Amino acid sequence: MLDNCVSTATAKIFPVTHGDNIMSVRQSVNLPRLIEIIEKRKQKFMDRLLQLDHFTVVLKVYSANVFL
């Protein structure tokens, strides 16, 4: 839904109407789809979380209890 708002704003700023043209403009100005931004941030968060020593210990204990 929010991605549609970004696409609509892009279509108004750059006078394009077709969906493929809107996506081309968004790629040109480096404005990816919001789901891609969210996935990238989530992956970065998880990577940093897994680098913490105490989190890996908690994760091991949790997984041991889940798979009993």
PDB file of N, CA and C in Angstrom:
ATOM      1  N   MET A   1       0.818  -1.181   0.000  1.00  0.00           N
ATOM      2  CA  MET A   1       0.000   0.000   0.000  1.00  0.00           C
ATOM      3  C   MET A   1       0.871   1.258   0.000  1.00  0.00           C
ATOM      4  N   LEU A   2       1.871   1.273   0.879  1.00  0.00           N
ATOM      5  CA  LEU A   2       2.768   2.419   0.931  1.00  0.00           C
ATOM      6  C   LEU A   2       3.596   2.507  -0.343  1.00  0.00           C
ATOM      7  N   ASP A   3       3.898   1.354  -0.918  1.00  0.00           N
ATOM      8  CA  ASP A   3       4.656   1.333  -2.168  1.00  0.00           C
ATOM      9  C   ASP A   3       3.850   1.976  -3.294  1.00  0.00           C
ATOM     10  N   ASN A   4       2.536   1.820  -3.261  1.00  0.00           N
ATOM     11  CA  ASN A   4       1.676   2.461  -4.260  1.00  0.00           C
ATOM     12  C   ASN A   4       1.724   3.976  -4.138  1.00  0.00           C
ATOM     13  N   CYS A   5       1.824   4.466  -2.902  1.00  0.00           N
ATOM     14  CA  CYS A   5       1.940   5.916  -2.691  1.00  0.00           C
ATOM     15  C   CYS A   5       3.240   6.447  -3.279  1.00  0.00           C
ATOM     16  N   VAL A   6       4.307   5.690  -3.108  1.00  0.00           N
ATOM     17  CA  VAL A   6       5.596   6.094  -3.672  1.00  0.00           C
ATOM     18  C   VAL A   6       5.531   6.068  -5.194  1.00  0.00           C
ATOM     19  N   SER A   7       4.896   5.058  -5.745  1.00  0.00           N
ATOM     20  CA  SER A   7       4.755   4.972  -7.203  1.00  0.00           C
ATOM     21  C   SER A   7       3.895   6.112  -7.744  1.00  0.00           C
ATOM     22  N   THR A   8       2.829   6.444  -7.030  1.00  0.00           N
ATOM     23  CA  THR A   8       1.978   7.552  -7.450  1.00  0.00           C
ATOM     24  C   THR A   8       2.725   8.872  -7.418  1.00  0.00           C
ATOM     25  N   ALA A   9       3.496   9.081  -6.371  1.00  0.00           N
ATOM     26  CA  ALA A   9       4.294  10.304  -6.278  1.00  0.00           C
ATOM     27  C   ALA A   9       5.337  10.350  -7.385  1.00  0.00           C
ATOM     28  N   THR A  10       5.950   9.220  -7.675  1.00  0.00           N
ATOM     29  CA  THR A  10       6.933   9.153  -8.761  1.00  0.00           C
ATOM     30  C   THR A  10       6.267   9.474 -10.090  1.00  0.00           C
ATOM     31  N   ALA A  11       5.075   8.952 -10.296  1.00  0.00           N
ATOM     32  CA  ALA A  11       4.353   9.209 -11.545  1.00  0.00           C
ATOM     33  C   ALA A  11       3.974  10.675 -11.685  1.00  0.00           C
ATOM     34  N   LYS A  12       3.710  11.343 -10.567  1.00  0.00           N
ATOM     35  CA  LYS A  12       3.356  12.757 -10.641  1.00  0.00           C
ATOM     36  C   LYS A  12       4.587  13.641 -10.839  1.00  0.00           C
ATOM     37  N   ILE A  13       5.698  13.269 -10.188  1.00  0.00           N
ATOM     38  CA  ILE A  13       6.920  14.059 -10.333  1.00  0.00           C
ATOM     39  C   ILE A  13       7.482  13.918 -11.741  1.00  0.00           C
ATOM     40  N   PHE A  14       7.571  12.667 -12.205  1.00  0.00           N
ATOM     41  CA  PHE A  14       8.026  12.388 -13.572  1.00  0.00           C
ATOM     42  C   PHE A  14       6.783  11.983 -14.350  1.00  0.00           C
ATOM     43  N   PRO A  15       6.372  12.755 -15.322  1.00  0.00           N
ATOM     44  CA  PRO A  15       5.076  12.493 -15.978  1.00  0.00           C
ATOM     45  C   PRO A  15       5.063  11.177 -16.764  1.00  0.00           C
ATOM     46  N   VAL A  16       4.892  10.084 -16.042  1.00  0.00           N
ATOM     47  CA  VAL A  16       4.752   8.760 -16.656  1.00  0.00           C
ATOM     48  C   VAL A  16       3.459   8.137 -16.127  1.00  0.00           C
ATOM     49  N   THR A  17       2.901   7.240 -16.917  1.00  0.00           N
ATOM     50  CA  THR A  17       1.630   6.653 -16.510  1.00  0.00           C
ATOM     51  C   THR A  17       1.669   5.133 -16.445  1.00  0.00           C
ATOM     52  N   HIS A  18       2.473   4.490 -17.241  1.00  0.00           N
ATOM     53  CA  HIS A  18       2.497   3.032 -17.295  1.00  0.00           C
ATOM     54  C   HIS A  18       3.363   2.474 -16.165  1.00  0.00           C
ATOM     55  N   GLY A  19       2.966   1.349 -15.596  1.00  0.00           N
ATOM     56  CA  GLY A  19       3.671   0.746 -14.463  1.00  0.00           C
ATOM     57  C   GLY A  19       5.129   0.425 -14.743  1.00  0.00           C
ATOM     58  N   ASP A  20       5.407  -0.061 -15.963  1.00  0.00           N
ATOM     59  CA  ASP A  20       6.800  -0.369 -16.311  1.00  0.00           C
ATOM     60  C   ASP A  20       7.647   0.895 -16.360  1.00  0.00           C
ATOM     61  N   ASN A  21       7.062   1.969 -16.864  1.00  0.00           N
ATOM     62  CA  ASN A  21       7.798   3.240 -16.925  1.00  0.00           C
ATOM     63  C   ASN A  21       8.055   3.789 -15.527  1.00  0.00           C
ATOM     64  N   ILE A  22       7.095   3.639 -14.653  1.00  0.00           N
ATOM     65  CA  ILE A  22       7.271   4.096 -13.272  1.00  0.00           C
ATOM     66  C   ILE A  22       8.398   3.319 -12.611  1.00  0.00           C
ATOM     67  N   MET A  23       8.436   2.010 -12.798  1.00  0.00           N
ATOM     68  CA  MET A  23       9.503   1.197 -12.217  1.00  0.00           C
ATOM     69  C   MET A  23      10.860   1.543 -12.824  1.00  0.00           C
ATOM     70  N   SER A  24      10.891   1.874 -14.104  1.00  0.00           N
ATOM     71  CA  SER A  24      12.143   2.288 -14.742  1.00  0.00           C
ATOM     72  C   SER A  24      12.662   3.587 -14.140  1.00  0.00           C
ATOM     73  N   VAL A  25      11.758   4.534 -13.910  1.00  0.00           N
ATOM     74  CA  VAL A  25      12.149   5.802 -13.288  1.00  0.00           C
ATOM     75  C   VAL A  25      12.635   5.563 -11.870  1.00  0.00           C
ATOM     76  N   ARG A  26      11.941   4.709 -11.133  1.00  0.00           N
ATOM     77  CA  ARG A  26      12.354   4.417  -9.758  1.00  0.00           C
ATOM     78  C   ARG A  26      13.726   3.764  -9.721  1.00  0.00           C
ATOM     79  N   GLN A  27      14.014   2.900 -10.672  1.00  0.00           N
ATOM     80  CA  GLN A  27      15.343   2.297 -10.741  1.00  0.00           C
ATOM     81  C   GLN A  27      16.391   3.334 -11.108  1.00  0.00           C
ATOM     82  N   SER A  28      16.044   4.247 -11.980  1.00  0.00           N
ATOM     83  CA  SER A  28      16.987   5.281 -12.418  1.00  0.00           C
ATOM     84  C   SER A  28      17.370   6.228 -11.286  1.00  0.00           C
ATOM     85  N   VAL A  29      16.418   6.536 -10.416  1.00  0.00           N
ATOM     86  CA  VAL A  29      16.696   7.447  -9.306  1.00  0.00           C
ATOM     87  C   VAL A  29      17.025   6.687  -8.015  1.00  0.00           C
ATOM     88  N   ASN A  30      17.264   5.398  -8.149  1.00  0.00           N
ATOM     89  CA  ASN A  30      17.640   4.535  -7.025  1.00  0.00           C
ATOM     90  C   ASN A  30      16.588   4.569  -5.915  1.00  0.00           C
ATOM     91  N   LEU A  31      15.358   4.299  -6.282  1.00  0.00           N
ATOM     92  CA  LEU A  31      14.256   4.232  -5.335  1.00  0.00           C
ATOM     93  C   LEU A  31      13.607   2.854  -5.464  1.00  0.00           C
ATOM     94  N   PRO A  32      14.200   1.840  -4.786  1.00  0.00           N
ATOM     95  CA  PRO A  32      13.681   0.475  -4.950  1.00  0.00           C
ATOM     96  C   PRO A  32      12.326   0.293  -4.285  1.00  0.00           C
ATOM     97  N   ARG A  33      11.727  -0.846  -4.556  1.00  0.00           N
ATOM     98  CA  ARG A  33      10.454  -1.172  -3.919  1.00  0.00           C
ATOM     99  C   ARG A  33      10.672  -1.268  -2.413  1.00  0.00           C
ATOM    100  N   LEU A  34       9.673  -0.920  -1.648  1.00  0.00           N
ATOM    101  CA  LEU A  34       9.810  -0.891  -0.193  1.00  0.00           C
ATOM    102  C   LEU A  34      10.056  -2.268   0.397  1.00  0.00           C
ATOM    103  N   ILE A  35       9.520  -3.297  -0.212  1.00  0.00           N
ATOM    104  CA  ILE A  35       9.747  -4.649   0.299  1.00  0.00           C
ATOM    105  C   ILE A  35      11.224  -5.006   0.210  1.00  0.00           C
ATOM    106  N   GLU A  36      11.916  -4.519  -0.813  1.00  0.00           N
ATOM    107  CA  GLU A  36      13.348  -4.774  -0.945  1.00  0.00           C
ATOM    108  C   GLU A  36      14.126  -4.043   0.146  1.00  0.00           C
ATOM    109  N   ILE A  37      13.719  -2.819   0.448  1.00  0.00           N
ATOM    110  CA  ILE A  37      14.378  -2.046   1.511  1.00  0.00           C
ATOM    111  C   ILE A  37      14.168  -2.725   2.858  1.00  0.00           C
ATOM    112  N   ILE A  38      12.950  -3.188   3.113  1.00  0.00           N
ATOM    113  CA  ILE A  38      12.636  -3.845   4.376  1.00  0.00           C
ATOM    114  C   ILE A  38      13.433  -5.137   4.526  1.00  0.00           C
ATOM    115  N   GLU A  39      13.490  -5.929   3.468  1.00  0.00           N
ATOM    116  CA  GLU A  39      14.244  -7.185   3.516  1.00  0.00           C
ATOM    117  C   GLU A  39      15.728  -6.931   3.762  1.00  0.00           C
ATOM    118  N   LYS A  40      16.271  -5.900   3.123  1.00  0.00           N
ATOM    119  CA  LYS A  40      17.681  -5.569   3.300  1.00  0.00           C
ATOM    120  C   LYS A  40      17.973  -5.163   4.745  1.00  0.00           C
ATOM    121  N   ARG A  41      17.097  -4.346   5.310  1.00  0.00           N
ATOM    122  CA  ARG A  41      17.279  -3.900   6.699  1.00  0.00           C
ATOM    123  C   ARG A  41      17.113  -5.049   7.680  1.00  0.00           C
ATOM    124  N   LYS A  42      16.137  -5.930   7.404  1.00  0.00           N
ATOM    125  CA  LYS A  42      15.926  -7.073   8.280  1.00  0.00           C
ATOM    126  C   LYS A  42      17.146  -7.999   8.260  1.00  0.00           C
ATOM    127  N   GLN A  43      17.700  -8.219   7.072  1.00  0.00           N
ATOM    128  CA  GLN A  43      18.875  -9.071   6.948  1.00  0.00           C
ATOM    129  C   GLN A  43      20.071  -8.456   7.669  1.00  0.00           C
ATOM    130  N   LYS A  44      20.239  -7.150   7.535  1.00  0.00           N
ATOM    131  CA  LYS A  44      21.336  -6.446   8.211  1.00  0.00           C
ATOM    132  C   LYS A  44      21.175  -6.549   9.728  1.00  0.00           C
ATOM    133  N   PHE A  45      19.942  -6.388  10.222  1.00  0.00           N
ATOM    134  CA  PHE A  45      19.663  -6.511  11.648  1.00  0.00           C
ATOM    135  C   PHE A  45      20.004  -7.906  12.154  1.00  0.00           C
ATOM    136  N   MET A  46      19.561  -8.927  11.432  1.00  0.00           N
ATOM    137  CA  MET A  46      19.822 -10.299  11.860  1.00  0.00           C
ATOM    138  C   MET A  46      21.305 -10.627  11.807  1.00  0.00           C
ATOM    139  N   ASP A  47      22.006 -10.142  10.797  1.00  0.00           N
ATOM    140  CA  ASP A  47      23.448 -10.383  10.712  1.00  0.00           C
ATOM    141  C   ASP A  47      24.180  -9.776  11.900  1.00  0.00           C
ATOM    142  N   ARG A  48      23.806  -8.555  12.261  1.00  0.00           N
ATOM    143  CA  ARG A  48      24.439  -7.915  13.416  1.00  0.00           C
ATOM    144  C   ARG A  48      24.058  -8.619  14.714  1.00  0.00           C
ATOM    145  N   LEU A  49      22.833  -9.083  14.800  1.00  0.00           N
ATOM    146  CA  LEU A  49      22.381  -9.774  16.000  1.00  0.00           C
ATOM    147  C   LEU A  49      23.129 -11.085  16.184  1.00  0.00           C
ATOM    148  N   LEU A  50      23.358 -11.791  15.098  1.00  0.00           N
ATOM    149  CA  LEU A  50      24.063 -13.070  15.185  1.00  0.00           C
ATOM    150  C   LEU A  50      25.544 -12.890  15.505  1.00  0.00           C
ATOM    151  N   GLN A  51      26.075 -11.712  15.313  1.00  0.00           N
ATOM    152  CA  GLN A  51      27.475 -11.462  15.645  1.00  0.00           C
ATOM    153  C   GLN A  51      27.674 -11.289  17.148  1.00  0.00           C
ATOM    154  N   LEU A  52      26.619 -11.019  17.886  1.00  0.00           N
ATOM    155  CA  LEU A  52      26.722 -10.852  19.335  1.00  0.00           C
ATOM    156  C   LEU A  52      26.879 -12.217  19.999  1.00  0.00           C
ATOM    157  N   ASP A  53      27.848 -12.340  20.885  1.00  0.00           N
ATOM    158  CA  ASP A  53      28.127 -13.628  21.527  1.00  0.00           C
ATOM    159  C   ASP A  53      26.981 -14.096  22.409  1.00  0.00           C
ATOM    160  N   HIS A  54      26.421 -13.203  23.215  1.00  0.00           N
ATOM    161  CA  HIS A  54      25.364 -13.633  24.125  1.00  0.00           C
ATOM    162  C   HIS A  54      24.089 -14.018  23.389  1.00  0.00           C
ATOM    163  N   PHE A  55      23.842 -13.449  22.220  1.00  0.00           N
ATOM    164  CA  PHE A  55      22.648 -13.837  21.476  1.00  0.00           C
ATOM    165  C   PHE A  55      22.785 -15.248  20.933  1.00  0.00           C
ATOM    166  N   THR A  56      23.966 -15.635  20.474  1.00  0.00           N
ATOM    167  CA  THR A  56      24.147 -16.988  19.946  1.00  0.00           C
ATOM    168  C   THR A  56      23.962 -18.026  21.041  1.00  0.00           C
ATOM    169  N   VAL A  57      24.369 -17.698  22.271  1.00  0.00           N
ATOM    170  CA  VAL A  57      24.151 -18.619  23.395  1.00  0.00           C
ATOM    171  C   VAL A  57      22.659 -18.770  23.661  1.00  0.00           C
ATOM    172  N   VAL A  58      21.946 -17.661  23.696  1.00  0.00           N
ATOM    173  CA  VAL A  58      20.492 -17.704  23.919  1.00  0.00           C
ATOM    174  C   VAL A  58      19.813 -18.476  22.799  1.00  0.00           C
ATOM    175  N   LEU A  59      20.253 -18.262  21.584  1.00  0.00           N
ATOM    176  CA  LEU A  59      19.659 -18.956  20.441  1.00  0.00           C
ATOM    177  C   LEU A  59      19.888 -20.467  20.533  1.00  0.00           C
ATOM    178  N   LYS A  60      21.061 -20.878  20.959  1.00  0.00           N
ATOM    179  CA  LYS A  60      21.350 -22.314  21.107  1.00  0.00           C
ATOM    180  C   LYS A  60      20.480 -22.935  22.184  1.00  0.00           C
ATOM    181  N   VAL A  61      20.323 -22.259  23.316  1.00  0.00           N
ATOM    182  CA  VAL A  61      19.485 -22.766  24.398  1.00  0.00           C
ATOM    183  C   VAL A  61      18.042 -22.847  23.941  1.00  0.00           C
ATOM    184  N   TYR A  62      17.573 -21.808  23.252  1.00  0.00           N
ATOM    185  CA  TYR A  62      16.198 -21.796  22.766  1.00  0.00           C
ATOM    186  C   TYR A  62      15.952 -22.931  21.776  1.00  0.00           C
ATOM    187  N   SER A  63      16.864 -23.110  20.829  1.00  0.00           N
ATOM    188  CA  SER A  63      16.675 -24.172  19.837  1.00  0.00           C
ATOM    189  C   SER A  63      16.745 -25.547  20.482  1.00  0.00           C
ATOM    190  N   ALA A  64      17.569 -25.706  21.524  1.00  0.00           N
ATOM    191  CA  ALA A  64      17.633 -26.994  22.225  1.00  0.00           C
ATOM    192  C   ALA A  64      16.320 -27.275  22.927  1.00  0.00           C
ATOM    193  N   ASN A  65      15.680 -26.255  23.476  1.00  0.00           N
ATOM    194  CA  ASN A  65      14.405 -26.450  24.168  1.00  0.00           C
ATOM    195  C   ASN A  65      13.244 -26.656  23.194  1.00  0.00           C
ATOM    196  N   VAL A  66      13.314 -26.048  22.046  1.00  0.00           N
ATOM    197  CA  VAL A  66      12.240 -26.183  21.064  1.00  0.00           C
ATOM    198  C   VAL A  66      12.207 -27.584  20.474  1.00  0.00           C
ATOM    199  N   PHE A  67      13.385 -28.157  20.214  1.00  0.00           N
ATOM    200  CA  PHE A  67      13.452 -29.450  19.529  1.00  0.00           C
ATOM    201  C   PHE A  67      13.650 -30.609  20.494  1.00  0.00           C
ATOM    202  N   LEU A  68      13.080 -30.526  21.680  1.00  0.00           N
ATOM    203  CA  LEU A  68      13.156 -31.646  22.635  1.00  0.00           C
ATOM    204  C   LEU A  68      12.218 -32.747  22.269  1.00  0.00           C
TER     205      LEU A  68
END
